[in-house]
C-alpha atoms as a PDB file:
ATOM      1  CA  PRO A   1       0.000   0.000   0.000  1.00  0.00           C
ATOM      2  CA  GLY A   2       2.808   2.441   0.794  1.00  0.00           C
ATOM      3  CA  SER A   3       4.878   1.626  -2.283  1.00  0.00           C
ATOM      4  CA  LEU A   4       3.163   4.096  -4.620  1.00  0.00           C
ATOM      5  CA  ARG A   5       4.393   7.102  -2.704  1.00  0.00           C
ATOM      6  CA  TRP A   6       8.036   6.125  -2.910  1.00  0.00           C
ATOM      7  CA  ASN A   7       7.895   4.450  -6.307  1.00  0.00           C
ATOM      8  CA  ARG A   8       7.708   7.652  -8.271  1.00  0.00           C
ATOM      9  CA  SER A   9       9.842  10.363  -9.723  1.00  0.00           C
ATOM     10  CA  SER A  10       8.319  13.516  -8.312  1.00  0.00           C
ATOM     11  CA  ILE A  11       8.013  15.612  -5.177  1.00  0.00           C
ATOM     12  CA  LYS A  12       4.477  16.535  -4.186  1.00  0.00           C
ATOM     13  CA  PHE A  13       3.494  19.199  -1.706  1.00  0.00           C
ATOM     14  CA  LEU A  14       0.682  21.478  -0.611  1.00  0.00           C
ATOM     15  CA  ALA A  15       0.993  25.214  -0.049  1.00  0.00           C
ATOM     16  CA  VAL A  16      -1.382  27.099   2.236  1.00  0.00           C
ATOM     17  CA  GLY A  17      -1.339  30.647   3.541  1.00  0.00           C
ATOM     18  CA  ASP A  18      -3.442  32.826   5.803  1.00  0.00           C
ATOM     19  CA  TRP A  19      -4.925  29.857   7.624  1.00  0.00           C
ATOM     20  CA  GLY A  20      -4.454  31.114  11.191  1.00  0.00           C
ATOM     21  CA  GLY A  21      -7.886  30.895  12.851  1.00  0.00           C
ATOM     22  CA  VAL A  22      -9.071  33.557  15.297  1.00  0.00           C
ATOM     23  CA  PRO A  23      -7.830  34.699  18.743  1.00  0.00           C
ATOM     24  CA  TYR A  24     -11.021  33.767  20.589  1.00  0.00           C
ATOM     25  CA  PRO A  25     -12.969  30.508  21.094  1.00  0.00           C
ATOM     26  CA  PRO A  26     -13.137  28.219  19.215  1.00  0.00           C
ATOM     27  CA  TYR A  27      -9.832  29.574  17.753  1.00  0.00           C
ATOM     28  CA  VAL A  28     -10.685  28.164  14.321  1.00  0.00           C
ATOM     29  CA  THR A  29     -13.025  29.225  11.537  1.00  0.00           C
ATOM     30  CA  PRO A  30     -15.375  27.026   9.505  1.00  0.00           C
ATOM     31  CA  VAL A  31     -13.320  27.860   6.410  1.00  0.00           C
ATOM     32  CA  GLU A  32     -10.110  26.706   8.121  1.00  0.00           C
ATOM     33  CA  GLN A  33     -11.770  23.472   9.241  1.00  0.00           C
ATOM     34  CA  THR A  34     -13.146  22.792   5.768  1.00  0.00           C
ATOM     35  CA  THR A  35      -9.765  23.572   4.201  1.00  0.00           C
ATOM     36  CA  ALA A  36      -8.053  21.208   6.646  1.00  0.00           C
ATOM     37  CA  ARG A  37     -10.448  18.389   5.741  1.00  0.00           C
ATOM     38  CA  GLU A  38      -9.945  18.903   2.020  1.00  0.00           C
ATOM     39  CA  MET A  39      -6.173  19.158   2.459  1.00  0.00           C
ATOM     40  CA  GLY A  40      -6.256  15.826   4.280  1.00  0.00           C
ATOM     41  CA  LYS A  41      -8.118  14.183   1.397  1.00  0.00           C
ATOM     42  CA  ILE A  42      -5.895  15.665  -1.301  1.00  0.00           C
ATOM     43  CA  ALA A  43      -2.688  14.856   0.613  1.00  0.00           C
ATOM     44  CA  LYS A  44      -3.833  11.238   0.945  1.00  0.00           C
ATOM     45  CA  GLN A  45      -4.690  10.964  -2.755  1.00  0.00           C
ATOM     46  CA  MET A  46      -1.496  12.564  -4.000  1.00  0.00           C
ATOM     47  CA  GLY A  47       0.867  11.255  -1.329  1.00  0.00           C
ATOM     48  CA  ALA A  48       2.074  14.697  -0.238  1.00  0.00           C
ATOM     49  CA  ASP A  49       5.653  14.899   1.011  1.00  0.00           C
ATOM     50  CA  PHE A  50       5.284  18.173   2.907  1.00  0.00           C
ATOM     51  CA  VAL A  51       3.266  21.365   3.346  1.00  0.00           C
ATOM     52  CA  LEU A  52       4.460  24.947   2.865  1.00  0.00           C
ATOM     53  CA  ALA A  53       2.797  27.245   5.417  1.00  0.00           C
ATOM     54  CA  LEU A  54       3.054  30.710   3.912  1.00  0.00           C
ATOM     55  CA  GLY A  55       2.382  32.975   6.880  1.00  0.00           C
ATOM     56  CA  ASP A  56      -0.422  34.540   8.903  1.00  0.00           C
ATOM     57  CA  ASN A  57      -0.303  31.346  10.886  1.00  0.00           C
ATOM     58  CA  PHE A  58      -2.098  32.894  13.877  1.00  0.00           C
ATOM     59  CA  TYR A  59      -4.570  35.752  13.595  1.00  0.00           C
ATOM     60  CA  TYR A  60      -4.572  38.545  14.556  1.00  0.00           C
ATOM     61  CA  THR A  61      -1.407  39.131  16.521  1.00  0.00           C
ATOM     62  CA  GLY A  62       0.574  35.897  16.183  1.00  0.00           C
ATOM     63  CA  VAL A  63       1.561  34.152  19.416  1.00  0.00           C
ATOM     64  CA  ASP A  64       3.420  35.516  22.409  1.00  0.00           C
ATOM     65  CA  SER A  65       4.961  32.303  23.736  1.00  0.00           C
ATOM     66  CA  VAL A  66       6.149  28.875  22.636  1.00  0.00           C
ATOM     67  CA  ASP A  67       3.627  27.537  25.182  1.00  0.00           C
ATOM     68  CA  SER A  68       0.690  29.385  23.605  1.00  0.00           C
ATOM     69  CA  PRO A  69      -2.440  27.193  23.443  1.00  0.00           C
ATOM     70  CA  ARG A  70      -2.964  28.558  19.925  1.00  0.00           C
ATOM     71  CA  PHE A  71      -0.469  26.029  18.551  1.00  0.00           C
ATOM     72  CA  ASN A  72      -2.844  23.272  19.588  1.00  0.00           C
ATOM     73  CA  ASP A  73      -6.178  25.043  19.121  1.00  0.00           C
ATOM     74  CA  THR A  74      -5.471  26.557  15.695  1.00  0.00           C
ATOM     75  CA  PHE A  75      -2.972  24.061  14.260  1.00  0.00           C
ATOM     76  CA  GLU A  76      -2.460  20.627  15.849  1.00  0.00           C
ATOM     77  CA  SER A  77      -6.122  19.903  16.608  1.00  0.00           C
ATOM     78  CA  VAL A  78      -7.320  21.164  13.210  1.00  0.00           C
ATOM     79  CA  PHE A  79      -4.968  19.555  10.674  1.00  0.00           C
ATOM     80  CA  THR A  80      -5.468  16.087  12.112  1.00  0.00           C
ATOM     81  CA  ALA A  81      -5.513  13.897   9.004  1.00  0.00           C
ATOM     82  CA  LYS A  82      -2.823  11.217   9.031  1.00  0.00           C
ATOM     83  CA  SER A  83      -1.826  12.370   5.534  1.00  0.00           C
ATOM     84  CA  LEU A  84      -0.960  15.797   6.986  1.00  0.00           C
ATOM     85  CA  ASN A  85       1.349  14.335   9.615  1.00  0.00           C
ATOM     86  CA  ILE A  86       4.248  15.314   7.380  1.00  0.00           C
ATOM     87  CA  PRO A  87       6.739  18.193   7.643  1.00  0.00           C
ATOM     88  CA  TRP A  88       5.179  21.655   7.640  1.00  0.00           C
ATOM     89  CA  TYR A  89       7.788  24.173   6.498  1.00  0.00           C
ATOM     90  CA  VAL A  90       6.732  27.499   7.954  1.00  0.00           C
ATOM     91  CA  LEU A  91       7.403  31.178   7.297  1.00  0.00           C
ATOM     92  CA  ALA A  92       5.982  34.279   8.986  1.00  0.00           C
ATOM     93  CA  GLY A  93       3.355  36.736   7.775  1.00  0.00           C
ATOM     94  CA  ASN A  94       2.463  40.255   8.866  1.00  0.00           C
ATOM     95  CA  HIS A  95       0.053  39.038  11.560  1.00  0.00           C
ATOM     96  CA  ASP A  96       2.727  36.714  12.958  1.00  0.00           C
ATOM     97  CA  HIS A  97       5.085  39.673  13.250  1.00  0.00           C
ATOM     98  CA  ALA A  98       2.508  41.436  15.433  1.00  0.00           C
ATOM     99  CA  GLY A  99       3.474  38.779  18.012  1.00  0.00           C
ATOM    100  CA  ASP A 100       6.712  36.912  18.727  1.00  0.00           C
ATOM    101  CA  VAL A 101       7.940  35.096  15.622  1.00  0.00           C
ATOM    102  CA  ARG A 102      10.751  33.516  17.657  1.00  0.00           C
ATOM    103  CA  ALA A 103       8.086  31.682  19.683  1.00  0.00           C
ATOM    104  CA  GLN A 104       6.939  30.067  16.419  1.00  0.00           C
ATOM    105  CA  ILE A 105      10.534  29.222  15.527  1.00  0.00           C
ATOM    106  CA  ASP A 106      11.022  27.674  18.975  1.00  0.00           C
ATOM    107  CA  TYR A 107       7.849  25.594  18.582  1.00  0.00           C
ATOM    108  CA  SER A 108       9.804  23.502  16.056  1.00  0.00           C
ATOM    109  CA  ARG A 109      11.365  21.782  19.089  1.00  0.00           C
ATOM    110  CA  LYS A 110       7.955  20.849  20.488  1.00  0.00           C
ATOM    111  CA  SER A 111       6.234  19.560  17.366  1.00  0.00           C
ATOM    112  CA  SER A 112       7.337  16.681  15.177  1.00  0.00           C
ATOM    113  CA  ARG A 113       5.959  18.276  12.013  1.00  0.00           C
ATOM    114  CA  TRP A 114       6.353  22.044  12.536  1.00  0.00           C
ATOM    115  CA  ARG A 115       9.645  23.026  10.832  1.00  0.00           C
ATOM    116  CA  PHE A 116      10.614  26.663  11.252  1.00  0.00           C
ATOM    117  CA  PRO A 117      14.395  26.843  11.776  1.00  0.00           C
ATOM    118  CA  TYR A 118      14.820  30.599  11.299  1.00  0.00           C
ATOM    119  CA  PHE A 119      13.095  33.665   9.817  1.00  0.00           C
ATOM    120  CA  TYR A 120      14.472  32.670   6.384  1.00  0.00           C
ATOM    121  CA  TYR A 121      16.075  29.430   5.256  1.00  0.00           C
ATOM    122  CA  GLU A 122      16.673  27.095   2.326  1.00  0.00           C
ATOM    123  CA  LEU A 123      15.358  23.581   1.674  1.00  0.00           C
ATOM    124  CA  ASN A 124      17.011  21.165  -0.726  1.00  0.00           C
ATOM    125  CA  PHE A 125      15.564  17.927  -2.049  1.00  0.00           C
ATOM    126  CA  ARG A 126      16.596  15.260  -4.497  1.00  0.00           C
ATOM    127  CA  ILE A 127      13.686  14.226  -6.695  1.00  0.00           C
ATOM    128  CA  PRO A 128      13.200  10.448  -6.294  1.00  0.00           C
ATOM    129  CA  SER A 129      14.334   8.138  -9.100  1.00  0.00           C
ATOM    130  CA  THR A 130      15.935  11.030 -11.012  1.00  0.00           C
ATOM    131  CA  ASP A 131      19.128  13.058 -10.913  1.00  0.00           C
ATOM    132  CA  LYS A 132      17.108  16.289 -10.566  1.00  0.00           C
ATOM    133  CA  THR A 133      17.096  18.558  -7.527  1.00  0.00           C
ATOM    134  CA  LEU A 134      14.636  20.994  -6.015  1.00  0.00           C
ATOM    135  CA  ALA A 135      15.519  24.007  -3.876  1.00  0.00           C
ATOM    136  CA  ILE A 136      12.961  26.070  -1.963  1.00  0.00           C
ATOM    137  CA  ILE A 137      14.020  29.397  -0.479  1.00  0.00           C
ATOM    138  CA  MET A 138      11.740  30.461   2.373  1.00  0.00           C
ATOM    139  CA  LEU A 139      11.746  34.226   2.962  1.00  0.00           C
ATOM    140  CA  ASP A 140      10.546  36.610   5.634  1.00  0.00           C
ATOM    141  CA  THR A 141       9.050  39.308   3.426  1.00  0.00           C
ATOM    142  CA  VAL A 142       7.863  41.265   6.484  1.00  0.00           C
ATOM    143  CA  MET A 143      11.442  41.543   7.748  1.00  0.00           C
ATOM    144  CA  LEU A 144      12.493  42.452   4.215  1.00  0.00           C
ATOM    145  CA  CYS A 145       9.807  45.044   3.428  1.00  0.00           C
ATOM    146  CA  GLY A 146       8.051  46.051   6.645  1.00  0.00           C
ATOM    147  CA  ASN A 147       4.772  45.223   8.324  1.00  0.00           C
ATOM    148  CA  SER A 148       1.356  46.263   7.070  1.00  0.00           C
ATOM    149  CA  ASP A 149      -1.905  46.930   8.839  1.00  0.00           C
ATOM    150  CA  ASP A 150      -4.586  45.100   6.857  1.00  0.00           C
ATOM    151  CA  PHE A 151      -7.388  46.872   8.657  1.00  0.00           C
ATOM    152  CA  VAL A 152      -6.461  50.242   7.175  1.00  0.00           C
ATOM    153  CA  GLY A 153      -5.317  48.774   3.870  1.00  0.00           C
ATOM    154  CA  GLU A 154      -1.761  49.797   4.549  1.00  0.00           C
ATOM    155  CA  LYS A 155       1.107  48.568   2.387  1.00  0.00           C
ATOM    156  CA  PRO A 156       4.509  47.802   3.878  1.00  0.00           C
ATOM    157  CA  GLN A 157       6.435  51.082   3.972  1.00  0.00           C
ATOM    158  CA  ARG A 158       9.886  50.176   5.283  1.00  0.00           C
ATOM    159  CA  PRO A 159      11.505  47.377   7.278  1.00  0.00           C
ATOM    160  CA  LEU A 160      11.588  47.609  11.063  1.00  0.00           C
ATOM    161  CA  SER A 161      15.333  46.989  10.918  1.00  0.00           C
ATOM    162  CA  ALA A 162      17.305  48.070   7.856  1.00  0.00           C
ATOM    163  CA  VAL A 163      20.189  45.891   9.076  1.00  0.00           C
ATOM    164  CA  ASP A 164      18.026  42.739   9.261  1.00  0.00           C
ATOM    165  CA  ALA A 165      16.504  43.472   5.855  1.00  0.00           C
ATOM    166  CA  SER A 166      19.913  44.016   4.289  1.00  0.00           C
ATOM    167  CA  ARG A 167      21.296  40.850   5.863  1.00  0.00           C
ATOM    168  CA  GLN A 168      18.442  38.767   4.488  1.00  0.00           C
ATOM    169  CA  LEU A 169      18.770  40.280   1.025  1.00  0.00           C
ATOM    170  CA  THR A 170      22.518  39.601   1.001  1.00  0.00           C
ATOM    171  CA  TRP A 171      21.840  35.979   2.027  1.00  0.00           C
ATOM    172  CA  LEU A 172      19.138  35.609  -0.642  1.00  0.00           C
ATOM    173  CA  LYS A 173      21.377  36.923  -3.416  1.00  0.00           C
ATOM    174  CA  ALA A 174      24.172  34.559  -2.383  1.00  0.00           C
ATOM    175  CA  ARG A 175      21.870  31.510  -2.139  1.00  0.00           C
ATOM    176  CA  MET A 176      20.209  32.141  -5.501  1.00  0.00           C
ATOM    177  CA  LYS A 177      23.556  32.749  -7.205  1.00  0.00           C
ATOM    178  CA  LYS A 178      25.014  29.569  -5.690  1.00  0.00           C
ATOM    179  CA  SER A 179      22.024  27.327  -6.348  1.00  0.00           C
ATOM    180  CA  ARG A 180      22.470  24.633  -8.955  1.00  0.00           C
ATOM    181  CA  ALA A 181      19.014  23.165  -8.412  1.00  0.00           C
ATOM    182  CA  ASP A 182      17.045  22.115 -11.476  1.00  0.00           C
ATOM    183  CA  PHE A 183      13.916  23.626  -9.935  1.00  0.00           C
ATOM    184  CA  LEU A 184      14.251  26.769  -7.823  1.00  0.00           C
ATOM    185  CA  LEU A 185      11.192  27.859  -5.871  1.00  0.00           C
ATOM    186  CA  VAL A 186      11.002  30.947  -3.699  1.00  0.00           C
ATOM    187  CA  ALA A 187       8.299  31.470  -1.081  1.00  0.00           C
ATOM    188  CA  GLY A 188       7.271  34.449   1.031  1.00  0.00           C
ATOM    189  CA  HIS A 189       4.163  35.938   2.576  1.00  0.00           C
ATOM    190  CA  TYR A 190       3.685  39.108   0.516  1.00  0.00           C
ATOM    191  CA  PRO A 191       2.977  38.770  -3.219  1.00  0.00           C
ATOM    192  CA  VAL A 192       5.268  40.226  -5.856  1.00  0.00           C
ATOM    193  CA  TRP A 193       2.531  40.808  -8.424  1.00  0.00           C
ATOM    194  CA  SER A 194      -1.112  40.752  -7.357  1.00  0.00           C
ATOM    195  CA  VAL A 195      -4.461  41.663  -8.894  1.00  0.00           C
ATOM    196  CA  SER A 196      -6.122  41.546  -5.469  1.00  0.00           C
ATOM    197  CA  GLU A 197      -6.953  44.260  -2.941  1.00  0.00           C
ATOM    198  CA  HIS A 198      -3.400  44.623  -1.615  1.00  0.00           C
ATOM    199  CA  GLY A 199      -2.001  44.938  -5.113  1.00  0.00           C
ATOM    200  CA  PRO A 200       1.660  44.316  -6.007  1.00  0.00           C
ATOM    201  CA  THR A 201       4.293  44.743  -3.299  1.00  0.00           C
ATOM    202  CA  GLU A 202       6.537  47.565  -4.513  1.00  0.00           C
ATOM    203  CA  CYS A 203       9.412  46.506  -2.266  1.00  0.00           C
ATOM    204  CA  LEU A 204       9.408  42.984  -3.739  1.00  0.00           C
ATOM    205  CA  LEU A 205       9.061  44.268  -7.303  1.00  0.00           C
ATOM    206  CA  LYS A 206      12.222  46.243  -6.664  1.00  0.00           C
ATOM    207  CA  LEU A 207      14.266  43.780  -4.578  1.00  0.00           C
ATOM    208  CA  LEU A 208      13.012  40.277  -5.378  1.00  0.00           C
ATOM    209  CA  ARG A 209      11.603  40.245  -8.893  1.00  0.00           C
ATOM    210  CA  PRO A 210      14.961  41.036 -10.582  1.00  0.00           C
ATOM    211  CA  LEU A 211      16.499  38.068  -8.740  1.00  0.00           C
ATOM    212  CA  LEU A 212      13.656  35.729  -9.745  1.00  0.00           C
ATOM    213  CA  VAL A 213      14.166  36.749 -13.375  1.00  0.00           C
ATOM    214  CA  LYS A 214      17.974  36.737 -13.272  1.00  0.00           C
ATOM    215  CA  HIS A 215      18.214  33.277 -11.707  1.00  0.00           C
ATOM    216  CA  ASN A 216      15.325  31.844 -13.704  1.00  0.00           C
ATOM    217  CA  ALA A 217      13.291  30.829 -10.649  1.00  0.00           C
ATOM    218  CA  THR A 218      10.641  28.237 -11.426  1.00  0.00           C
ATOM    219  CA  ALA A 219       7.923  29.885  -9.315  1.00  0.00           C
ATOM    220  CA  TYR A 220       7.216  32.202  -6.408  1.00  0.00           C
ATOM    221  CA  PHE A 221       4.676  31.108  -3.779  1.00  0.00           C
ATOM    222  CA  CYS A 222       2.986  33.551  -1.418  1.00  0.00           C
ATOM    223  CA  GLY A 223      -0.046  34.233   0.731  1.00  0.00           C
ATOM    224  CA  HIS A 224      -1.523  37.490   2.056  1.00  0.00           C
ATOM    225  CA  ASP A 225      -4.295  37.929  -0.511  1.00  0.00           C
ATOM    226  CA  HIS A 226      -6.777  35.291   0.699  1.00  0.00           C
ATOM    227  CA  ASN A 227      -7.445  34.079  -2.819  1.00  0.00           C
ATOM    228  CA  LEU A 228      -5.866  31.971  -5.553  1.00  0.00           C
ATOM    229  CA  GLN A 229      -3.888  33.624  -8.336  1.00  0.00           C
ATOM    230  CA  VAL A 230      -1.617  31.900 -10.835  1.00  0.00           C
ATOM    231  CA  GLY A 231       0.807  33.920 -12.934  1.00  0.00           C
ATOM    232  CA  GLY A 232       1.986  32.977 -16.412  1.00  0.00           C
ATOM    233  CA  GLY A 233       5.445  31.727 -17.259  1.00  0.00           C
ATOM    234  CA  HIS A 234       6.483  34.544 -19.603  1.00  0.00           C
ATOM    235  CA  PRO A 235       9.388  36.859 -18.734  1.00  0.00           C
ATOM    236  CA  GLY A 236       7.091  39.600 -17.429  1.00  0.00           C
ATOM    237  CA  SER A 237       5.309  37.323 -14.960  1.00  0.00           C
END
C-alpha cells in the first residue's frame, strides 16, 4: 500500500497561507476546518511529502509564547488527518510579526511536524528516481519590506530593521547565485505581483523580482491575498 508514494519520480506538496484561525474561542473558523479536511483528502490521494505554510499562521497578533495554546487550538487539533502528519515548512506573515515570531521558531522543538528553523532558510531535495534537484528558499518578506496593517489597507512602507533586511537580502542573493538546483522555488508571505486588494508589493518588485528573473526561478509562492492567483510563465510574470 505504501509503495506508490516512494515508487515515483516527483516531489508533491501542498501550499497554504493565511490559515491562522481567530484569537477567541473556538480559535478556528469554519473555512479553516473545511480547508483542513480537504487538504487531508488531497494529501492522501497525492501522497504529499510536505506542506508549505506561507504565513499569517495565527490571527490577529501571532503568538506571544512557545507555550501558547494557539499552537494546539489553531494548528495541531485542526490539521489532524494522518496524511498531513508530514513536515510543515513554515514562514511568517504580517500578523505573525505582530506577536513573537521567535516563539513560532522555537515551537519547532515541540512539534514533530512544525519546521521553522529561522526567519528565512533554504530547503534542498533530491527528486526520487531522477538526478534532478529541487531548492525552496523560504523568505521573511515582512522583515524584508516592513509590516502592514490590513485593517487600514496599509502597504509595507519600510523594514523595522534596515540591518536585518539588508542581511536577508545579502543571504538571498548569495543563495540564488550559488544554487544549482534544477527547480528553484522561492516562497514568502507578501505577493510580488497581485491583482487583489493589496495589489503588487513595490518593495518585492524592486528587490526580489529582478532576482527571480535573473536566476530563472521556477515559481514564487505567497499568501496574504486570501485568494488563488496563478501567474503565467512569460518573462514579465
